[in-house]
C-alpha cells in the first residue's frame, strides 16, 4: 500500500495497493482500516 498522508478535513487522498504474484482481476480485493483502540473494519471491496 501507499498514498497515506496527513490531510485536512474535506481533503482527498488516493491509496494504492500494488500487487505481485497474482492478478488483481481474478481476486477479491478489500480495503480495511483500523483506528487506535478500535477493531479492524471493512471499508470497500471489489470482486473478481
ModelCIF file with pLDDT and N, C-alpha, C, O atoms, coordinates in Angstrom:
data_MODEL
#
_entry.id   MODEL 
#
_entity.id                         1 
_entity.type                       polymer 
_entity.pdbx_number_of_molecules   1 
#
_entity_poly.entity_id                      1 
_entity_poly.type                           'polypeptide(L)' 
_entity_poly.nstd_linkage                   no 
_entity_poly.nstd_monomer                   no 
_entity_poly.pdbx_seq_one_letter_code       
;(UNK)(UNK)(UNK)(UNK)(UNK)(UNK)(UNK)(UNK)(UNK)(UNK)(UNK)(UNK)(UNK)(UNK)(UNK)(UNK)
(UNK)(UNK)(UNK)(UNK)(UNK)(UNK)(UNK)(UNK)(UNK)(UNK)(UNK)(UNK)(UNK)(UNK)(UNK)(UNK)
(UNK)(UNK)(UNK)(UNK)(UNK)(UNK)(UNK)(UNK)(UNK)(UNK)(UNK)(UNK)(UNK)(UNK)(UNK)(UNK)
;
_entity_poly.pdbx_seq_one_letter_code_can   XXXXXXXXXXXXXXXXXXXXXXXXXXXXXXXXXXXXXXXXXXXXXXXX 
_entity_poly.pdbx_strand_id                 A 
#
loop_
_entity_poly_seq.entity_id 
_entity_poly_seq.num 
_entity_poly_seq.mon_id 
_entity_poly_seq.hetero 
1 1  UNK n 
1 2  UNK n 
1 3  UNK n 
1 4  UNK n 
1 5  UNK n 
1 6  UNK n 
1 7  UNK n 
1 8  UNK n 
1 9  UNK n 
1 10 UNK n 
1 11 UNK n 
1 12 UNK n 
1 13 UNK n 
1 14 UNK n 
1 15 UNK n 
1 16 UNK n 
1 17 UNK n 
1 18 UNK n 
1 19 UNK n 
1 20 UNK n 
1 21 UNK n 
1 22 UNK n 
1 23 UNK n 
1 24 UNK n 
1 25 UNK n 
1 26 UNK n 
1 27 UNK n 
1 28 UNK n 
1 29 UNK n 
1 30 UNK n 
1 31 UNK n 
1 32 UNK n 
1 33 UNK n 
1 34 UNK n 
1 35 UNK n 
1 36 UNK n 
1 37 UNK n 
1 38 UNK n 
1 39 UNK n 
1 40 UNK n 
1 41 UNK n 
1 42 UNK n 
1 43 UNK n 
1 44 UNK n 
1 45 UNK n 
1 46 UNK n 
1 47 UNK n 
1 48 UNK n 
#
_struct_asym.id          A 
_struct_asym.entity_id   1 
#
loop_
_ma_qa_metric.id 
_ma_qa_metric.mode 
_ma_qa_metric.name 
_ma_qa_metric.software_group_id 
_ma_qa_metric.type 
1 global pLDDT . pLDDT 
2 local  pLDDT . pLDDT 
#
_ma_qa_metric_global.metric_id      1 
_ma_qa_metric_global.metric_value   97.06 
_ma_qa_metric_global.model_id       1 
_ma_qa_metric_global.ordinal_id     1 
#
loop_
_ma_qa_metric_local.label_asym_id 
_ma_qa_metric_local.label_comp_id 
_ma_qa_metric_local.label_seq_id 
_ma_qa_metric_local.metric_id 
_ma_qa_metric_local.metric_value 
_ma_qa_metric_local.model_id 
_ma_qa_metric_local.ordinal_id 
A UNK 1  2 97.00 1 1  
A UNK 2  2 98.00 1 2  
A UNK 3  2 98.00 1 3  
A UNK 4  2 98.00 1 4  
A UNK 5  2 98.00 1 5  
A UNK 6  2 98.00 1 6  
A UNK 7  2 98.00 1 7  
A UNK 8  2 98.00 1 8  
A UNK 9  2 98.00 1 9  
A UNK 10 2 98.00 1 10 
A UNK 11 2 98.00 1 11 
A UNK 12 2 98.00 1 12 
A UNK 13 2 98.00 1 13 
A UNK 14 2 98.00 1 14 
A UNK 15 2 98.00 1 15 
A UNK 16 2 98.00 1 16 
A UNK 17 2 98.00 1 17 
A UNK 18 2 98.00 1 18 
A UNK 19 2 98.00 1 19 
A UNK 20 2 97.00 1 20 
A UNK 21 2 96.00 1 21 
A UNK 22 2 96.00 1 22 
A UNK 23 2 96.00 1 23 
A UNK 24 2 96.00 1 24 
A UNK 25 2 95.00 1 25 
A UNK 26 2 94.00 1 26 
A UNK 27 2 96.00 1 27 
A UNK 28 2 97.00 1 28 
A UNK 29 2 98.00 1 29 
A UNK 30 2 98.00 1 30 
A UNK 31 2 98.00 1 31 
A UNK 32 2 98.00 1 32 
A UNK 33 2 98.00 1 33 
A UNK 34 2 98.00 1 34 
A UNK 35 2 97.00 1 35 
A UNK 36 2 92.00 1 36 
A UNK 37 2 94.00 1 37 
A UNK 38 2 96.00 1 38 
A UNK 39 2 96.00 1 39 
A UNK 40 2 97.00 1 40 
A UNK 41 2 97.00 1 41 
A UNK 42 2 98.00 1 42 
A UNK 43 2 98.00 1 43 
A UNK 44 2 98.00 1 44 
A UNK 45 2 98.00 1 45 
A UNK 46 2 97.00 1 46 
A UNK 47 2 96.00 1 47 
A UNK 48 2 93.00 1 48 
#
loop_
_atom_site.group_PDB 
_atom_site.id 
_atom_site.type_symbol 
_atom_site.label_atom_id 
_atom_site.label_alt_id 
_atom_site.label_comp_id 
_atom_site.label_asym_id 
_atom_site.label_entity_id 
_atom_site.label_seq_id 
_atom_site.pdbx_PDB_ins_code 
_atom_site.Cartn_x 
_atom_site.Cartn_y 
_atom_site.Cartn_z 
_atom_site.occupancy 
_atom_site.B_iso_or_equiv 
_atom_site.pdbx_formal_charge 
_atom_site.auth_seq_id 
_atom_site.auth_comp_id 
_atom_site.auth_asym_id 
_atom_site.auth_atom_id 
_atom_site.pdbx_PDB_model_num 
ATOM 1   N N  . UNK A 1 1  ? 0.834   -1.195  0.000   1.00 97.00 ? 1  UNK A N  1 
ATOM 2   C CA . UNK A 1 1  ? 0.000   0.000   0.000   1.00 97.00 ? 1  UNK A CA 1 
ATOM 3   C C  . UNK A 1 1  ? 0.873   1.250   0.000   1.00 97.00 ? 1  UNK A C  1 
ATOM 4   O O  . UNK A 1 1  ? 2.007   1.241   0.479   1.00 97.00 ? 1  UNK A O  1 
ATOM 5   N N  . UNK A 1 2  ? 0.320   2.311   -0.542  1.00 98.00 ? 2  UNK A N  1 
ATOM 6   C CA . UNK A 1 2  ? 0.985   3.605   -0.497  1.00 98.00 ? 2  UNK A CA 1 
ATOM 7   C C  . UNK A 1 2  ? -0.083  4.690   -0.648  1.00 98.00 ? 2  UNK A C  1 
ATOM 8   O O  . UNK A 1 2  ? -1.226  4.411   -1.010  1.00 98.00 ? 2  UNK A O  1 
ATOM 9   N N  . UNK A 1 3  ? 0.311   5.916   -0.366  1.00 98.00 ? 3  UNK A N  1 
ATOM 10  C CA . UNK A 1 3  ? -0.591  7.042   -0.564  1.00 98.00 ? 3  UNK A CA 1 
ATOM 11  C C  . UNK A 1 3  ? -1.142  7.660   0.691   1.00 98.00 ? 3  UNK A C  1 
ATOM 12  O O  . UNK A 1 3  ? -1.789  8.706   0.635   1.00 98.00 ? 3  UNK A O  1 
ATOM 13  N N  . UNK A 1 4  ? -0.897  7.031   1.833   1.00 98.00 ? 4  UNK A N  1 
ATOM 14  C CA . UNK A 1 4  ? -1.392  7.609   3.069   1.00 98.00 ? 4  UNK A CA 1 
ATOM 15  C C  . UNK A 1 4  ? -0.647  8.885   3.426   1.00 98.00 ? 4  UNK A C  1 
ATOM 16  O O  . UNK A 1 4  ? 0.524   9.053   3.086   1.00 98.00 ? 4  UNK A O  1 
ATOM 17  N N  . UNK A 1 5  ? -1.338  9.778   4.115   1.00 98.00 ? 5  UNK A N  1 
ATOM 18  C CA . UNK A 1 5  ? -0.733  11.067  4.453   1.00 98.00 ? 5  UNK A CA 1 
ATOM 19  C C  . UNK A 1 5  ? -1.585  11.790  5.482   1.00 98.00 ? 5  UNK A C  1 
ATOM 20  O O  . UNK A 1 5  ? -2.632  11.297  5.902   1.00 98.00 ? 5  UNK A O  1 
ATOM 21  N N  . UNK A 1 6  ? -1.126  12.956  5.877   1.00 98.00 ? 6  UNK A N  1 
ATOM 22  C CA . UNK A 1 6  ? -1.899  13.868  6.710   1.00 98.00 ? 6  UNK A CA 1 
ATOM 23  C C  . UNK A 1 6  ? -2.670  14.802  5.769   1.00 98.00 ? 6  UNK A C  1 
ATOM 24  O O  . UNK A 1 6  ? -2.088  15.409  4.870   1.00 98.00 ? 6  UNK A O  1 
ATOM 25  N N  . UNK A 1 7  ? -3.956  14.907  5.982   1.00 98.00 ? 7  UNK A N  1 
ATOM 26  C CA . UNK A 1 7  ? -4.793  15.746  5.128   1.00 98.00 ? 7  UNK A CA 1 
ATOM 27  C C  . UNK A 1 7  ? -5.828  16.463  5.983   1.00 98.00 ? 7  UNK A C  1 
ATOM 28  O O  . UNK A 1 7  ? -6.228  15.958  7.032   1.00 98.00 ? 7  UNK A O  1 
ATOM 29  N N  . UNK A 1 8  ? -6.256  17.620  5.546   1.00 98.00 ? 8  UNK A N  1 
ATOM 30  C CA . UNK A 1 8  ? -7.245  18.382  6.303   1.00 98.00 ? 8  UNK A CA 1 
ATOM 31  C C  . UNK A 1 8  ? -8.647  17.865  6.021   1.00 98.00 ? 8  UNK A C  1 
ATOM 32  O O  . UNK A 1 8  ? -8.892  17.290  4.961   1.00 98.00 ? 8  UNK A O  1 
ATOM 33  N N  . UNK A 1 9  ? -9.552  18.056  6.939   1.00 98.00 ? 9  UNK A N  1 
ATOM 34  C CA . UNK A 1 9  ? -10.946 17.652  6.692   1.00 98.00 ? 9  UNK A CA 1 
ATOM 35  C C  . UNK A 1 9  ? -11.462 18.254  5.392   1.00 98.00 ? 9  UNK A C  1 
ATOM 36  O O  . UNK A 1 9  ? -11.219 19.422  5.086   1.00 98.00 ? 9  UNK A O  1 
ATOM 37  N N  . UNK A 1 10 ? -12.169 17.441  4.646   1.00 98.00 ? 10 UNK A N  1 
ATOM 38  C CA . UNK A 1 10 ? -12.658 17.870  3.350   1.00 98.00 ? 10 UNK A CA 1 
ATOM 39  C C  . UNK A 1 10 ? -11.704 17.581  2.204   1.00 98.00 ? 10 UNK A C  1 
ATOM 40  O O  . UNK A 1 10 ? -12.064 17.725  1.036   1.00 98.00 ? 10 UNK A O  1 
ATOM 41  N N  . UNK A 1 11 ? -10.498 17.178  2.535   1.00 98.00 ? 11 UNK A N  1 
ATOM 42  C CA . UNK A 1 11 ? -9.500  16.893  1.515   1.00 98.00 ? 11 UNK A CA 1 
ATOM 43  C C  . UNK A 1 11 ? -9.661  15.515  0.901   1.00 98.00 ? 11 UNK A C  1 
ATOM 44  O O  . UNK A 1 11 ? -10.570 14.759  1.244   1.00 98.00 ? 11 UNK A O  1 
ATOM 45  N N  . UNK A 1 12 ? -8.753  15.210  -0.017  1.00 98.00 ? 12 UNK A N  1 
ATOM 46  C CA . UNK A 1 12 ? -8.802  13.942  -0.741  1.00 98.00 ? 12 UNK A CA 1 
ATOM 47  C C  . UNK A 1 12 ? -7.450  13.243  -0.713  1.00 98.00 ? 12 UNK A C  1 
ATOM 48  O O  . UNK A 1 12 ? -6.402  13.879  -0.602  1.00 98.00 ? 12 UNK A O  1 
ATOM 49  N N  . UNK A 1 13 ? -7.501  11.926  -0.816  1.00 98.00 ? 13 UNK A N  1 
ATOM 50  C CA . UNK A 1 13 ? -6.309  11.104  -0.945  1.00 98.00 ? 13 UNK A CA 1 
ATOM 51  C C  . UNK A 1 13 ? -6.645  9.932   -1.860  1.00 98.00 ? 13 UNK A C  1 
ATOM 52  O O  . UNK A 1 13 ? -7.796  9.502   -1.944  1.00 98.00 ? 13 UNK A O  1 
ATOM 53  N N  . UNK A 1 14 ? -5.627  9.426   -2.541  1.00 98.00 ? 14 UNK A N  1 
ATOM 54  C CA . UNK A 1 14 ? -5.800  8.183   -3.283  1.00 98.00 ? 14 UNK A CA 1 
ATOM 55  C C  . UNK A 1 14 ? -4.780  7.170   -2.775  1.00 98.00 ? 14 UNK A C  1 
ATOM 56  O O  . UNK A 1 14 ? -3.571  7.377   -2.876  1.00 98.00 ? 14 UNK A O  1 
ATOM 57  N N  . UNK A 1 15 ? -5.286  6.084   -2.235  1.00 98.00 ? 15 UNK A N  1 
ATOM 58  C CA . UNK A 1 15 ? -4.431  4.999   -1.787  1.00 98.00 ? 15 UNK A CA 1 
ATOM 59  C C  . UNK A 1 15 ? -4.235  4.003   -2.922  1.00 98.00 ? 15 UNK A C  1 
ATOM 60  O O  . UNK A 1 15 ? -5.142  3.752   -3.715  1.00 98.00 ? 15 UNK A O  1 
ATOM 61  N N  . UNK A 1 16 ? -3.044  3.447   -2.981  1.00 98.00 ? 16 UNK A N  1 
ATOM 62  C CA . UNK A 1 16 ? -2.730  2.430   -3.982  1.00 98.00 ? 16 UNK A CA 1 
ATOM 63  C C  . UNK A 1 16 ? -2.391  1.112   -3.303  1.00 98.00 ? 16 UNK A C  1 
ATOM 64  O O  . UNK A 1 16 ? -1.813  1.087   -2.216  1.00 98.00 ? 16 UNK A O  1 
ATOM 65  N N  . UNK A 1 17 ? -2.751  0.045   -3.947  1.00 98.00 ? 17 UNK A N  1 
ATOM 66  C CA . UNK A 1 17 ? -2.425  -1.297  -3.479  1.00 98.00 ? 17 UNK A CA 1 
ATOM 67  C C  . UNK A 1 17 ? -1.815  -2.027  -4.677  1.00 98.00 ? 17 UNK A C  1 
ATOM 68  O O  . UNK A 1 17 ? -2.531  -2.532  -5.542  1.00 98.00 ? 17 UNK A O  1 
ATOM 69  N N  . UNK A 1 18 ? -0.488  -2.071  -4.713  1.00 98.00 ? 18 UNK A N  1 
ATOM 70  C CA . UNK A 1 18 ? 0.215   -2.719  -5.816  1.00 98.00 ? 18 UNK A CA 1 
ATOM 71  C C  . UNK A 1 18 ? 0.397   -4.196  -5.512  1.00 98.00 ? 18 UNK A C  1 
ATOM 72  O O  . UNK A 1 18 ? 0.902   -4.568  -4.453  1.00 98.00 ? 18 UNK A O  1 
ATOM 73  N N  . UNK A 1 19 ? -0.016  -5.022  -6.443  1.00 98.00 ? 19 UNK A N  1 
ATOM 74  C CA . UNK A 1 19 ? 0.004   -6.474  -6.230  1.00 98.00 ? 19 UNK A CA 1 
ATOM 75  C C  . UNK A 1 19 ? 1.079   -7.140  -7.081  1.00 98.00 ? 19 UNK A C  1 
ATOM 76  O O  . UNK A 1 19 ? 1.401   -6.686  -8.179  1.00 98.00 ? 19 UNK A O  1 
ATOM 77  N N  . UNK A 1 20 ? 1.618   -8.221  -6.547  1.00 97.00 ? 20 UNK A N  1 
ATOM 78  C CA . UNK A 1 20 ? 2.535   -9.056  -7.298  1.00 97.00 ? 20 UNK A CA 1 
ATOM 79  C C  . UNK A 1 20 ? 2.306   -10.506 -6.908  1.00 97.00 ? 20 UNK A C  1 
ATOM 80  O O  . UNK A 1 20 ? 1.874   -10.801 -5.793  1.00 97.00 ? 20 UNK A O  1 
ATOM 81  N N  . UNK A 1 21 ? 2.598   -11.403 -7.831  1.00 96.00 ? 21 UNK A N  1 
ATOM 82  C CA . UNK A 1 21 ? 2.419   -12.813 -7.560  1.00 96.00 ? 21 UNK A CA 1 
ATOM 83  C C  . UNK A 1 21 ? 1.041   -13.334 -7.914  1.00 96.00 ? 21 UNK A C  1 
ATOM 84  O O  . UNK A 1 21 ? 0.788   -14.535 -7.822  1.00 96.00 ? 21 UNK A O  1 
ATOM 85  N N  . UNK A 1 22 ? 0.151   -12.446 -8.316  1.00 96.00 ? 22 UNK A N  1 
ATOM 86  C CA . UNK A 1 22 ? -1.189  -12.828 -8.734  1.00 96.00 ? 22 UNK A CA 1 
ATOM 87  C C  . UNK A 1 22 ? -1.791  -11.675 -9.532  1.00 96.00 ? 22 UNK A C  1 
ATOM 88  O O  . UNK A 1 22 ? -1.238  -10.577 -9.591  1.00 96.00 ? 22 UNK A O  1 
ATOM 89  N N  . UNK A 1 23 ? -2.923  -11.956 -10.137 1.00 96.00 ? 23 UNK A N  1 
ATOM 90  C CA . UNK A 1 23 ? -3.576  -10.946 -10.966 1.00 96.00 ? 23 UNK A CA 1 
ATOM 91  C C  . UNK A 1 23 ? -4.774  -10.388 -10.226 1.00 96.00 ? 23 UNK A C  1 
ATOM 92  O O  . UNK A 1 23 ? -5.665  -11.136 -9.823  1.00 96.00 ? 23 UNK A O  1 
ATOM 93  N N  . UNK A 1 24 ? -4.800  -9.078  -10.045 1.00 96.00 ? 24 UNK A N  1 
ATOM 94  C CA . UNK A 1 24 ? -5.883  -8.464  -9.272  1.00 96.00 ? 24 UNK A CA 1 
ATOM 95  C C  . UNK A 1 24 ? -7.241  -8.679  -9.943  1.00 96.00 ? 24 UNK A C  1 
ATOM 96  O O  . UNK A 1 24 ? -8.276  -8.659  -9.276  1.00 96.00 ? 24 UNK A O  1 
ATOM 97  N N  . UNK A 1 25 ? -7.235  -8.884  -11.260 1.00 95.00 ? 25 UNK A N  1 
ATOM 98  C CA . UNK A 1 25 ? -8.504  -9.106  -11.955 1.00 95.00 ? 25 UNK A CA 1 
ATOM 99  C C  . UNK A 1 25 ? -9.235  -10.321 -11.410 1.00 95.00 ? 25 UNK A C  1 
ATOM 100 O O  . UNK A 1 25 ? -10.465 -10.347 -11.379 1.00 95.00 ? 25 UNK A O  1 
ATOM 101 N N  . UNK A 1 26 ? -8.483  -11.325 -10.981 1.00 94.00 ? 26 UNK A N  1 
ATOM 102 C CA . UNK A 1 26 ? -9.089  -12.612 -10.639 1.00 94.00 ? 26 UNK A CA 1 
ATOM 103 C C  . UNK A 1 26 ? -9.325  -12.816 -9.155  1.00 94.00 ? 26 UNK A C  1 
ATOM 104 O O  . UNK A 1 26 ? -9.862  -13.846 -8.748  1.00 94.00 ? 26 UNK A O  1 
ATOM 105 N N  . UNK A 1 27 ? -8.933  -11.852 -8.349  1.00 96.00 ? 27 UNK A N  1 
ATOM 106 C CA . UNK A 1 27 ? -9.060  -11.980 -6.896  1.00 96.00 ? 27 UNK A CA 1 
ATOM 107 C C  . UNK A 1 27 ? -10.032 -10.934 -6.352  1.00 96.00 ? 27 UNK A C  1 
ATOM 108 O O  . UNK A 1 27 ? -10.251 -9.892  -6.970  1.00 96.00 ? 27 UNK A O  1 
ATOM 109 N N  . UNK A 1 28 ? -10.595 -11.222 -5.217  1.00 97.00 ? 28 UNK A N  1 
ATOM 110 C CA . UNK A 1 28 ? -11.343 -10.232 -4.463  1.00 97.00 ? 28 UNK A CA 1 
ATOM 111 C C  . UNK A 1 28 ? -10.325 -9.394  -3.691  1.00 97.00 ? 28 UNK A C  1 
ATOM 112 O O  . UNK A 1 28 ? -9.452  -9.937  -3.014  1.00 97.00 ? 28 UNK A O  1 
ATOM 113 N N  . UNK A 1 29 ? -10.440 -8.091  -3.793  1.00 98.00 ? 29 UNK A N  1 
ATOM 114 C CA . UNK A 1 29 ? -9.554  -7.175  -3.102  1.00 98.00 ? 29 UNK A CA 1 
ATOM 115 C C  . UNK A 1 29 ? -10.379 -6.336  -2.140  1.00 98.00 ? 29 UNK A C  1 
ATOM 116 O O  . UNK A 1 29 ? -11.397 -5.753  -2.515  1.00 98.00 ? 29 UNK A O  1 
ATOM 117 N N  . UNK A 1 30 ? -9.931  -6.286  -0.917  1.00 98.00 ? 30 UNK A N  1 
ATOM 118 C CA . UNK A 1 30 ? -10.629 -5.494  0.076   1.00 98.00 ? 30 UNK A CA 1 
ATOM 119 C C  . UNK A 1 30 ? -9.736  -4.419  0.665   1.00 98.00 ? 30 UNK A C  1 
ATOM 120 O O  . UNK A 1 30 ? -8.526  -4.600  0.800   1.00 98.00 ? 30 UNK A O  1 
ATOM 121 N N  . UNK A 1 31 ? -10.346 -3.306  1.011   1.00 98.00 ? 31 UNK A N  1 
ATOM 122 C CA . UNK A 1 31 ? -9.677  -2.273  1.791   1.00 98.00 ? 31 UNK A CA 1 
ATOM 123 C C  . UNK A 1 31 ? -10.293 -2.292  3.195   1.00 98.00 ? 31 UNK A C  1 
ATOM 124 O O  . UNK A 1 31 ? -11.513 -2.286  3.359   1.00 98.00 ? 31 UNK A O  1 
ATOM 125 N N  . UNK A 1 32 ? -9.425  -2.315  4.185   1.00 98.00 ? 32 UNK A N  1 
ATOM 126 C CA . UNK A 1 32 ? -9.840  -2.312  5.576   1.00 98.00 ? 32 UNK A CA 1 
ATOM 127 C C  . UNK A 1 32 ? -9.100  -1.193  6.293   1.00 98.00 ? 32 UNK A C  1 
ATOM 128 O O  . UNK A 1 32 ? -8.090  -0.688  5.801   1.00 98.00 ? 32 UNK A O  1 
ATOM 129 N N  . UNK A 1 33 ? -9.603  -0.813  7.444   1.00 98.00 ? 33 UNK A N  1 
ATOM 130 C CA . UNK A 1 33 ? -8.901  0.186   8.237   1.00 98.00 ? 33 UNK A CA 1 
ATOM 131 C C  . UNK A 1 33 ? -9.017  -0.132  9.707   1.00 98.00 ? 33 UNK A C  1 
ATOM 132 O O  . UNK A 1 33 ? -9.960  -0.783  10.156  1.00 98.00 ? 33 UNK A O  1 
ATOM 133 N N  . UNK A 1 34 ? -8.030  0.348   10.445  1.00 98.00 ? 34 UNK A N  1 
ATOM 134 C CA . UNK A 1 34 ? -8.048  0.155   11.888  1.00 98.00 ? 34 UNK A CA 1 
ATOM 135 C C  . UNK A 1 34 ? -7.570  1.424   12.561  1.00 98.00 ? 34 UNK A C  1 
ATOM 136 O O  . UNK A 1 34 ? -6.442  1.872   12.358  1.00 98.00 ? 34 UNK A O  1 
ATOM 137 N N  . UNK A 1 35 ? -8.448  1.992   13.362  1.00 97.00 ? 35 UNK A N  1 
ATOM 138 C CA . UNK A 1 35 ? -8.118  3.182   14.138  1.00 97.00 ? 35 UNK A CA 1 
ATOM 139 C C  . UNK A 1 35 ? -7.620  2.754   15.514  1.00 97.00 ? 35 UNK A C  1 
ATOM 140 O O  . UNK A 1 35 ? -7.941  1.654   15.963  1.00 97.00 ? 35 UNK A O  1 
ATOM 141 N N  . UNK A 1 36 ? -6.848  3.593   16.190  1.00 92.00 ? 36 UNK A N  1 
ATOM 142 C CA . UNK A 1 36 ? -6.338  3.240   17.517  1.00 92.00 ? 36 UNK A CA 1 
ATOM 143 C C  . UNK A 1 36 ? -7.468  2.872   18.470  1.00 92.00 ? 36 UNK A C  1 
ATOM 144 O O  . UNK A 1 36 ? -8.446  3.607   18.606  1.00 92.00 ? 36 UNK A O  1 
ATOM 145 N N  . UNK A 1 37 ? -7.323  1.742   19.118  1.00 94.00 ? 37 UNK A N  1 
ATOM 146 C CA . UNK A 1 37 ? -8.312  1.314   20.091  1.00 94.00 ? 37 UNK A CA 1 
ATOM 147 C C  . UNK A 1 37 ? -9.585  0.747   19.510  1.00 94.00 ? 37 UNK A C  1 
ATOM 148 O O  . UNK A 1 37 ? -10.525 0.440   20.244  1.00 94.00 ? 37 UNK A O  1 
ATOM 149 N N  . UNK A 1 38 ? -9.626  0.605   18.194  1.00 96.00 ? 38 UNK A N  1 
ATOM 150 C CA . UNK A 1 38 ? -10.827 0.082   17.549  1.00 96.00 ? 38 UNK A CA 1 
ATOM 151 C C  . UNK A 1 38 ? -10.506 -1.178  16.763  1.00 96.00 ? 38 UNK A C  1 
ATOM 152 O O  . UNK A 1 38 ? -9.353  -1.448  16.427  1.00 96.00 ? 38 UNK A O  1 
ATOM 153 N N  . UNK A 1 39 ? -11.543 -1.933  16.482  1.00 96.00 ? 39 UNK A N  1 
ATOM 154 C CA . UNK A 1 39 ? -11.366 -3.136  15.685  1.00 96.00 ? 39 UNK A CA 1 
ATOM 155 C C  . UNK A 1 39 ? -11.201 -2.787  14.208  1.00 96.00 ? 39 UNK A C  1 
ATOM 156 O O  . UNK A 1 39 ? -11.633 -1.732  13.744  1.00 96.00 ? 39 UNK A O  1 
ATOM 157 N N  . UNK A 1 40 ? -10.563 -3.704  13.488  1.00 97.00 ? 40 UNK A N  1 
ATOM 158 C CA . UNK A 1 40 ? -10.430 -3.519  12.051  1.00 97.00 ? 40 UNK A CA 1 
ATOM 159 C C  . UNK A 1 40 ? -11.809 -3.573  11.407  1.00 97.00 ? 40 UNK A C  1 
ATOM 160 O O  . UNK A 1 40 ? -12.628 -4.422  11.758  1.00 97.00 ? 40 UNK A O  1 
ATOM 161 N N  . UNK A 1 41 ? -12.066 -2.670  10.468  1.00 97.00 ? 41 UNK A N  1 
ATOM 162 C CA . UNK A 1 41 ? -13.365 -2.656  9.802   1.00 97.00 ? 41 UNK A CA 1 
ATOM 163 C C  . UNK A 1 41 ? -13.186 -2.629  8.290   1.00 97.00 ? 41 UNK A C  1 
ATOM 164 O O  . UNK A 1 41 ? -12.208 -2.093  7.769   1.00 97.00 ? 41 UNK A O  1 
ATOM 165 N N  . UNK A 1 42 ? -14.137 -3.209  7.612   1.00 98.00 ? 42 UNK A N  1 
ATOM 166 C CA . UNK A 1 42 ? -14.125 -3.185  6.163   1.00 98.00 ? 42 UNK A CA 1 
ATOM 167 C C  . UNK A 1 42 ? -14.535 -1.832  5.640   1.00 98.00 ? 42 UNK A C  1 
ATOM 168 O O  . UNK A 1 42 ? -15.468 -1.215  6.154   1.00 98.00 ? 42 UNK A O  1 
ATOM 169 N N  . UNK A 1 43 ? -13.841 -1.367  4.619   1.00 98.00 ? 43 UNK A N  1 
ATOM 170 C CA . UNK A 1 43 ? -14.120 -0.073  4.025   1.00 98.00 ? 43 UNK A CA 1 
ATOM 171 C C  . UNK A 1 43 ? -14.747 -0.253  2.640   1.00 98.00 ? 43 UNK A C  1 
ATOM 172 O O  . UNK A 1 43 ? -15.788 0.324   2.326   1.00 98.00 ? 43 UNK A O  1 
ATOM 173 N N  . UNK A 1 44 ? -14.083 -1.067  1.831   1.00 98.00 ? 44 UNK A N  1 
ATOM 174 C CA . UNK A 1 44 ? -14.561 -1.255  0.465   1.00 98.00 ? 44 UNK A CA 1 
ATOM 175 C C  . UNK A 1 44 ? -14.021 -2.561  -0.081  1.00 98.00 ? 44 UNK A C  1 
ATOM 176 O O  . UNK A 1 44 ? -13.048 -3.110  0.435   1.00 98.00 ? 44 UNK A O  1 
ATOM 177 N N  . UNK A 1 45 ? -14.658 -3.051  -1.124  1.00 98.00 ? 45 UNK A N  1 
ATOM 178 C CA . UNK A 1 45 ? -14.292 -4.344  -1.681  1.00 98.00 ? 45 UNK A CA 1 
ATOM 179 C C  . UNK A 1 45 ? -14.620 -4.339  -3.166  1.00 98.00 ? 45 UNK A C  1 
ATOM 180 O O  . UNK A 1 45 ? -15.582 -3.709  -3.606  1.00 98.00 ? 45 UNK A O  1 
ATOM 181 N N  . UNK A 1 46 ? -13.803 -5.053  -3.928  1.00 97.00 ? 46 UNK A N  1 
ATOM 182 C CA . UNK A 1 46 ? -14.095 -5.222  -5.349  1.00 97.00 ? 46 UNK A CA 1 
ATOM 183 C C  . UNK A 1 46 ? -13.935 -6.697  -5.690  1.00 97.00 ? 46 UNK A C  1 
ATOM 184 O O  . UNK A 1 46 ? -12.925 -7.323  -5.370  1.00 97.00 ? 46 UNK A O  1 
ATOM 185 N N  . UNK A 1 47 ? -14.941 -7.226  -6.337  1.00 96.00 ? 47 UNK A N  1 
ATOM 186 C CA . UNK A 1 47 ? -14.935 -8.652  -6.656  1.00 96.00 ? 47 UNK A CA 1 
ATOM 187 C C  . UNK A 1 47 ? -14.069 -8.945  -7.881  1.00 96.00 ? 47 UNK A C  1 
ATOM 188 O O  . UNK A 1 47 ? -13.716 -8.043  -8.640  1.00 96.00 ? 47 UNK A O  1 
ATOM 189 N N  . UNK A 1 48 ? -13.737 -10.220 -8.056  1.00 93.00 ? 48 UNK A N  1 
ATOM 190 C CA . UNK A 1 48 ? -13.088 -10.655 -9.283  1.00 93.00 ? 48 UNK A CA 1 
ATOM 191 C C  . UNK A 1 48 ? -13.942 -10.228 -10.467 1.00 93.00 ? 48 UNK A C  1 
ATOM 192 O O  . UNK A 1 48 ? -13.583 -10.492 -11.615 1.00 93.00 ? 48 UNK A O  1 
#
